[in-house]
PDB file of N, CA and C in Angstrom:
ATOM      1  N   MET A   1      13.646  56.374  90.055  1.00  0.00           N
ATOM      2  CA  MET A   1      12.685  55.980  89.087  1.00  0.00           C
ATOM      3  C   MET A   1      12.885  56.923  87.449  1.00  0.00           C
ATOM      4  N   LEU A   2      13.501  56.007  86.861  1.00  0.00           N
ATOM      5  CA  LEU A   2      14.770  56.665  85.128  1.00  0.00           C
ATOM      6  C   LEU A   2      13.375  57.812  84.411  1.00  0.00           C
ATOM      7  N   ALA A   3      12.110  58.012  84.603  1.00  0.00           N
ATOM      8  CA  ALA A   3      10.943  58.814  84.011  1.00  0.00           C
ATOM      9  C   ALA A   3      11.086  60.029  84.949  1.00  0.00           C
ATOM     10  N   TYR A   4      11.318  59.757  85.943  1.00  0.00           N
ATOM     11  CA  TYR A   4      11.449  61.275  86.907  1.00  0.00           C
ATOM     12  C   TYR A   4      12.693  61.871  86.736  1.00  0.00           C
ATOM     13  N   GLN A   5      13.704  60.792  86.206  1.00  0.00           N
ATOM     14  CA  GLN A   5      14.910  61.546  86.337  1.00  0.00           C
ATOM     15  C   GLN A   5      14.949  62.452  84.640  1.00  0.00           C
ATOM     16  N   ILE A   6      13.851  61.447  84.068  1.00  0.00           N
ATOM     17  CA  ILE A   6      13.962  62.443  82.137  1.00  0.00           C
ATOM     18  C   ILE A   6      13.562  63.712  82.923  1.00  0.00           C
ATOM     19  N   ALA A   7      12.308  63.762  83.374  1.00  0.00           N
ATOM     20  CA  ALA A   7      11.275  64.666  83.882  1.00  0.00           C
ATOM     21  C   ALA A   7      11.840  65.862  83.977  1.00  0.00           C
ATOM     22  N   MET A   8      12.794  65.206  85.916  1.00  0.00           N
ATOM     23  CA  MET A   8      13.347  66.467  86.095  1.00  0.00           C
ATOM     24  C   MET A   8      14.423  67.134  85.099  1.00  0.00           C
ATOM     25  N   GLU A   9      14.706  66.718  84.233  1.00  0.00           N
ATOM     26  CA  GLU A   9      16.300  66.886  83.273  1.00  0.00           C
ATOM     27  C   GLU A   9      15.521  67.772  82.251  1.00  0.00           C
ATOM     28  N   ASN A  10      14.734  67.713  81.516  1.00  0.00           N
ATOM     29  CA  ASN A  10      13.703  68.156  80.497  1.00  0.00           C
ATOM     30  C   ASN A  10      11.610  68.672  81.004  1.00  0.00           C
ATOM     31  N   PRO A  11      12.260  69.385  82.004  1.00  0.00           N
ATOM     32  CA  PRO A  11      10.849  69.615  82.414  1.00  0.00           C
ATOM     33  C   PRO A  11       9.788  70.159  81.259  1.00  0.00           C
ATOM     34  N   ARG A  12      10.237  71.042  80.344  1.00  0.00           N
ATOM     35  CA  ARG A  12       9.182  71.899  79.037  1.00  0.00           C
ATOM     36  C   ARG A  12       9.051  70.745  78.300  1.00  0.00           C
ATOM     37  N   MET A  13       9.531  69.610  78.310  1.00  0.00           N
ATOM     38  CA  MET A  13       9.281  68.429  77.118  1.00  0.00           C
ATOM     39  C   MET A  13       8.119  67.401  77.231  1.00  0.00           C
ATOM     40  N   VAL A  14       9.103  67.083  79.148  1.00  0.00           N
ATOM     41  CA  VAL A  14       8.326  65.633  79.947  1.00  0.00           C
ATOM     42  C   VAL A  14       7.847  65.489  81.526  1.00  0.00           C
ATOM     43  N   LEU A  15       6.691  64.983  81.489  1.00  0.00           N
ATOM     44  CA  LEU A  15       5.716  64.954  82.835  1.00  0.00           C
ATOM     45  C   LEU A  15       5.867  63.561  83.317  1.00  0.00           C
ATOM     46  N   ALA A  16       6.090  63.168  84.679  1.00  0.00           N
ATOM     47  CA  ALA A  16       6.227  62.019  84.782  1.00  0.00           C
ATOM     48  C   ALA A  16       4.990  62.298  85.572  1.00  0.00           C
ATOM     49  N   GLU A  17       4.198  61.210  86.461  1.00  0.00           N
ATOM     50  CA  GLU A  17       3.596  60.967  87.651  1.00  0.00           C
ATOM     51  C   GLU A  17       3.559  59.486  87.845  1.00  0.00           C
ATOM     52  N   GLY A  18       3.884  59.128  89.327  1.00  0.00           N
ATOM     53  CA  GLY A  18       3.515  57.652  89.375  1.00  0.00           C
ATOM     54  C   GLY A  18       2.533  57.902  90.191  1.00  0.00           C
ATOM     55  N   ILE A  19       2.019  56.321  89.799  1.00  0.00           N
ATOM     56  CA  ILE A  19       0.621  55.806  90.641  1.00  0.00           C
ATOM     57  C   ILE A  19       0.873  54.723  91.143  1.00  0.00           C
ATOM     58  N   GLU A  20       0.254  54.464  92.519  1.00  0.00           N
ATOM     59  CA  GLU A  20       0.168  53.282  93.224  1.00  0.00           C
ATOM     60  C   GLU A  20      -0.780  52.671  92.476  1.00  0.00           C
ATOM     61  N   ALA A  21       0.063  51.057  92.281  1.00  0.00           N
ATOM     62  CA  ALA A  21      -0.906  49.955  91.490  1.00  0.00           C
ATOM     63  C   ALA A  21      -2.171  49.834  92.052  1.00  0.00           C
ATOM     64  N   MET A  22      -1.844  49.342  93.386  1.00  0.00           N
ATOM     65  CA  MET A  22      -2.439  49.721  94.248  1.00  0.00           C
ATOM     66  C   MET A  22      -3.945  49.803  94.563  1.00  0.00           C
ATOM     67  N   GLU A  23      -3.658  50.742  94.945  1.00  0.00           N
ATOM     68  CA  GLU A  23      -4.482  52.186  95.181  1.00  0.00           C
ATOM     69  C   GLU A  23      -5.354  52.142  94.364  1.00  0.00           C
ATOM     70  N   PHE A  24      -4.859  52.242  93.080  1.00  0.00           N
ATOM     71  CA  PHE A  24      -5.917  52.178  92.132  1.00  0.00           C
ATOM     72  C   PHE A  24      -6.131  51.266  91.172  1.00  0.00           C
ATOM     73  N   ASP A  25      -7.174  50.392  91.476  1.00  0.00           N
ATOM     74  CA  ASP A  25      -7.314  49.320  90.216  1.00  0.00           C
ATOM     75  C   ASP A  25      -7.842  49.639  88.836  1.00  0.00           C
ATOM     76  N   GLU A  26      -8.952  50.200  88.816  1.00  0.00           N
ATOM     77  CA  GLU A  26      -9.991  50.780  88.018  1.00  0.00           C
ATOM     78  C   GLU A  26      -8.184  51.440  86.768  1.00  0.00           C
ATOM     79  N   LEU A  27      -7.378  52.243  87.212  1.00  0.00           N
ATOM     80  CA  LEU A  27      -6.191  52.633  86.132  1.00  0.00           C
ATOM     81  C   LEU A  27      -5.461  51.234  85.997  1.00  0.00           C
ATOM     82  N   SER A  28      -4.834  50.767  86.929  1.00  0.00           N
ATOM     83  CA  SER A  28      -3.906  49.668  87.026  1.00  0.00           C
ATOM     84  C   SER A  28      -4.631  48.545  85.705  1.00  0.00           C
ATOM     85  N   ASN A  29      -5.824  48.480  85.696  1.00  0.00           N
ATOM     86  CA  ASN A  29      -6.786  47.209  85.119  1.00  0.00           C
ATOM     87  C   ASN A  29      -6.742  47.973  83.433  1.00  0.00           C
ATOM     88  N   HIS A  30      -6.945  49.519  83.193  1.00  0.00           N
ATOM     89  CA  HIS A  30      -7.071  49.934  82.216  1.00  0.00           C
ATOM     90  C   HIS A  30      -5.921  49.513  81.170  1.00  0.00           C
ATOM     91  N   TYR A  31      -4.397  50.245  81.761  1.00  0.00           N
ATOM     92  CA  TYR A  31      -3.182  50.006  81.256  1.00  0.00           C
ATOM     93  C   TYR A  31      -2.793  48.606  81.621  1.00  0.00           C
ATOM     94  N   MET A  32      -4.034  47.618  81.986  1.00  0.00           N
ATOM     95  CA  MET A  32      -2.849  46.068  82.100  1.00  0.00           C
ATOM     96  C   MET A  32      -1.292  46.037  83.288  1.00  0.00           C
ATOM     97  N   ILE A  33      -1.524  47.198  83.952  1.00  0.00           N
ATOM     98  CA  ILE A  33      -0.008  47.298  84.686  1.00  0.00           C
ATOM     99  C   ILE A  33       0.330  45.321  85.087  1.00  0.00           C
ATOM    100  N   SER A  34       1.366  45.402  84.368  1.00  0.00           N
ATOM    101  CA  SER A  34       1.985  43.765  85.016  1.00  0.00           C
ATOM    102  C   SER A  34       2.923  43.567  85.754  1.00  0.00           C
ATOM    103  N   GLY A  35       3.917  44.508  85.816  1.00  0.00           N
ATOM    104  CA  GLY A  35       4.879  44.781  86.339  1.00  0.00           C
ATOM    105  C   GLY A  35       5.622  46.401  87.445  1.00  0.00           C
ATOM    106  N   VAL A  36       6.708  46.497  88.181  1.00  0.00           N
ATOM    107  CA  VAL A  36       6.736  47.092  88.543  1.00  0.00           C
ATOM    108  C   VAL A  36       8.194  47.623  88.180  1.00  0.00           C
ATOM    109  N   PRO A  37       8.622  48.566  87.603  1.00  0.00           N
ATOM    110  CA  PRO A  37       7.887  49.542  87.552  1.00  0.00           C
ATOM    111  C   PRO A  37       7.375  49.341  86.133  1.00  0.00           C
ATOM    112  N   ASP A  38       6.645  49.968  85.817  1.00  0.00           N
ATOM    113  CA  ASP A  38       5.745  49.918  84.796  1.00  0.00           C
ATOM    114  C   ASP A  38       5.578  51.389  83.603  1.00  0.00           C
ATOM    115  N   THR A  39       5.783  51.903  82.684  1.00  0.00           N
ATOM    116  CA  THR A  39       6.557  53.349  82.124  1.00  0.00           C
ATOM    117  C   THR A  39       5.455  53.140  81.258  1.00  0.00           C
ATOM    118  N   VAL A  40       4.444  54.044  81.483  1.00  0.00           N
ATOM    119  CA  VAL A  40       3.358  54.233  80.319  1.00  0.00           C
ATOM    120  C   VAL A  40       3.685  55.580  79.029  1.00  0.00           C
ATOM    121  N   ILE A  41       3.729  55.406  78.314  1.00  0.00           N
ATOM    122  CA  ILE A  41       3.983  57.024  77.354  1.00  0.00           C
ATOM    123  C   ILE A  41       2.926  57.227  76.514  1.00  0.00           C
ATOM    124  N   ASN A  42       2.483  58.599  77.169  1.00  0.00           N
ATOM    125  CA  ASN A  42       1.562  59.298  76.078  1.00  0.00           C
ATOM    126  C   ASN A  42       0.165  58.323  75.981  1.00  0.00           C
ATOM    127  N   ALA A  43      -0.730  57.636  77.078  1.00  0.00           N
ATOM    128  CA  ALA A  43      -1.538  56.955  77.275  1.00  0.00           C
ATOM    129  C   ALA A  43      -1.578  55.897  76.108  1.00  0.00           C
ATOM    130  N   ASP A  44      -0.155  55.322  76.555  1.00  0.00           N
ATOM    131  CA  ASP A  44       0.297  53.972  75.724  1.00  0.00           C
ATOM    132  C   ASP A  44       0.747  53.946  73.860  1.00  0.00           C
ATOM    133  N   ALA A  45       1.055  54.725  73.843  1.00  0.00           N
ATOM    134  CA  ALA A  45       1.556  55.249  72.328  1.00  0.00           C
ATOM    135  C   ALA A  45       3.102  54.615  72.685  1.00  0.00           C
ATOM    136  N   GLY A  46       3.621  54.362  73.973  1.00  0.00           N
ATOM    137  CA  GLY A  46       4.513  53.127  74.104  1.00  0.00           C
ATOM    138  C   GLY A  46       4.611  52.893  75.374  1.00  0.00           C
ATOM    139  N   ARG A  47       5.439  52.177  75.759  1.00  0.00           N
ATOM    140  CA  ARG A  47       5.773  51.833  76.579  1.00  0.00           C
ATOM    141  C   ARG A  47       7.157  50.598  77.484  1.00  0.00           C
ATOM    142  N   VAL A  48       7.343  50.706  78.198  1.00  0.00           N
ATOM    143  CA  VAL A  48       8.049  50.240  79.497  1.00  0.00           C
ATOM    144  C   VAL A  48       8.155  49.178  80.909  1.00  0.00           C
ATOM    145  N   VAL A  49       8.559  48.231  80.632  1.00  0.00           N
ATOM    146  CA  VAL A  49       8.454  46.820  81.735  1.00  0.00           C
ATOM    147  C   VAL A  49       9.755  46.820  82.444  1.00  0.00           C
ATOM    148  N   GLY A  50       9.616  47.019  83.607  1.00  0.00           N
ATOM    149  CA  GLY A  50      10.435  47.060  84.542  1.00  0.00           C
ATOM    150  C   GLY A  50      12.160  47.975  84.258  1.00  0.00           C
ATOM    151  N   ALA A  51      13.168  47.417  85.351  1.00  0.00           N
ATOM    152  CA  ALA A  51      14.024  48.259  85.111  1.00  0.00           C
ATOM    153  C   ALA A  51      14.961  48.494  83.669  1.00  0.00           C
ATOM    154  N   VAL A  52      14.994  49.510  83.281  1.00  0.00           N
ATOM    155  CA  VAL A  52      15.500  49.080  82.191  1.00  0.00           C
ATOM    156  C   VAL A  52      16.861  50.474  81.648  1.00  0.00           C
ATOM    157  N   PRO A  53      18.165  50.237  80.930  1.00  0.00           N
ATOM    158  CA  PRO A  53      18.866  51.108  81.120  1.00  0.00           C
ATOM    159  C   PRO A  53      18.092  52.604  80.463  1.00  0.00           C
ATOM    160  N   GLU A  54      19.031  53.535  80.521  1.00  0.00           N
ATOM    161  CA  GLU A  54      18.490  54.713  80.103  1.00  0.00           C
ATOM    162  C   GLU A  54      18.484  54.587  78.618  1.00  0.00           C
ATOM    163  N   ARG A  55      19.582  54.188  77.683  1.00  0.00           N
ATOM    164  CA  ARG A  55      19.175  54.584  76.207  1.00  0.00           C
ATOM    165  C   ARG A  55      18.013  53.386  76.022  1.00  0.00           C
ATOM    166  N   GLN A  56      17.462  52.301  76.040  1.00  0.00           N
ATOM    167  CA  GLN A  56      16.596  51.932  76.278  1.00  0.00           C
ATOM    168  C   GLN A  56      14.959  52.822  76.333  1.00  0.00           C
ATOM    169  N   MET A  57      15.187  53.511  77.381  1.00  0.00           N
ATOM    170  CA  MET A  57      14.050  54.078  78.070  1.00  0.00           C
ATOM    171  C   MET A  57      14.068  55.139  76.655  1.00  0.00           C
ATOM    172  N   LEU A  58      15.358  56.075  76.169  1.00  0.00           N
ATOM    173  CA  LEU A  58      15.111  57.436  75.299  1.00  0.00           C
ATOM    174  C   LEU A  58      14.704  56.790  73.908  1.00  0.00           C
ATOM    175  N   ALA A  59      15.327  55.502  73.757  1.00  0.00           N
ATOM    176  CA  ALA A  59      14.443  54.834  72.139  1.00  0.00           C
ATOM    177  C   ALA A  59      13.264  54.610  72.440  1.00  0.00           C
ATOM    178  N   GLU A  60      12.371  53.898  73.529  1.00  0.00           N
ATOM    179  CA  GLU A  60      11.095  54.070  73.681  1.00  0.00           C
ATOM    180  C   GLU A  60      10.283  55.108  73.180  1.00  0.00           C
ATOM    181  N   LEU A  61      10.443  56.648  73.900  1.00  0.00           N
ATOM    182  CA  LEU A  61      10.374  57.826  74.449  1.00  0.00           C
ATOM    183  C   LEU A  61      10.085  58.328  72.558  1.00  0.00           C
ATOM    184  N   MET A  62      10.936  58.309  72.093  1.00  0.00           N
ATOM    185  CA  MET A  62      11.255  58.956  70.624  1.00  0.00           C
ATOM    186  C   MET A  62      10.664  57.875  69.447  1.00  0.00           C
ATOM    187  N   ARG A  63      10.150  56.473  69.816  1.00  0.00           N
ATOM    188  CA  ARG A  63       9.704  55.679  69.424  1.00  0.00           C
ATOM    189  C   ARG A  63       8.003  55.882  69.350  1.00  0.00           C
ATOM    190  N   ALA A  64       7.530  56.189  70.556  1.00  0.00           N
ATOM    191  CA  ALA A  64       6.280  56.814  70.959  1.00  0.00           C
ATOM    192  C   ALA A  64       5.785  58.071  70.298  1.00  0.00           C
ATOM    193  N   LEU A  65       6.759  58.862  70.281  1.00  0.00           N
ATOM    194  CA  LEU A  65       6.913  60.366  69.542  1.00  0.00           C
ATOM    195  C   LEU A  65       6.539  60.215  68.157  1.00  0.00           C
ATOM    196  N   GLU A  66       7.123  58.756  67.242  1.00  0.00           N
ATOM    197  CA  GLU A  66       6.935  59.477  65.756  1.00  0.00           C
ATOM    198  C   GLU A  66       5.475  59.251  65.419  1.00  0.00           C
TER     199      GLU A  66
END
């Protein structure tokens, strides 16, 4: 998963956690998980659904931090 790769390369700046959507219904419903992977950034300040190129993931991370 790309979020984990980015977190491993930048451990002081990025934390990635994986949640099994089928096991955590309440959390999945809260974030309205619609696909896998579904990357939620900073409590929904940003979001990426599906497998995307690294450039797109980094752009969404930067946008979420603004």
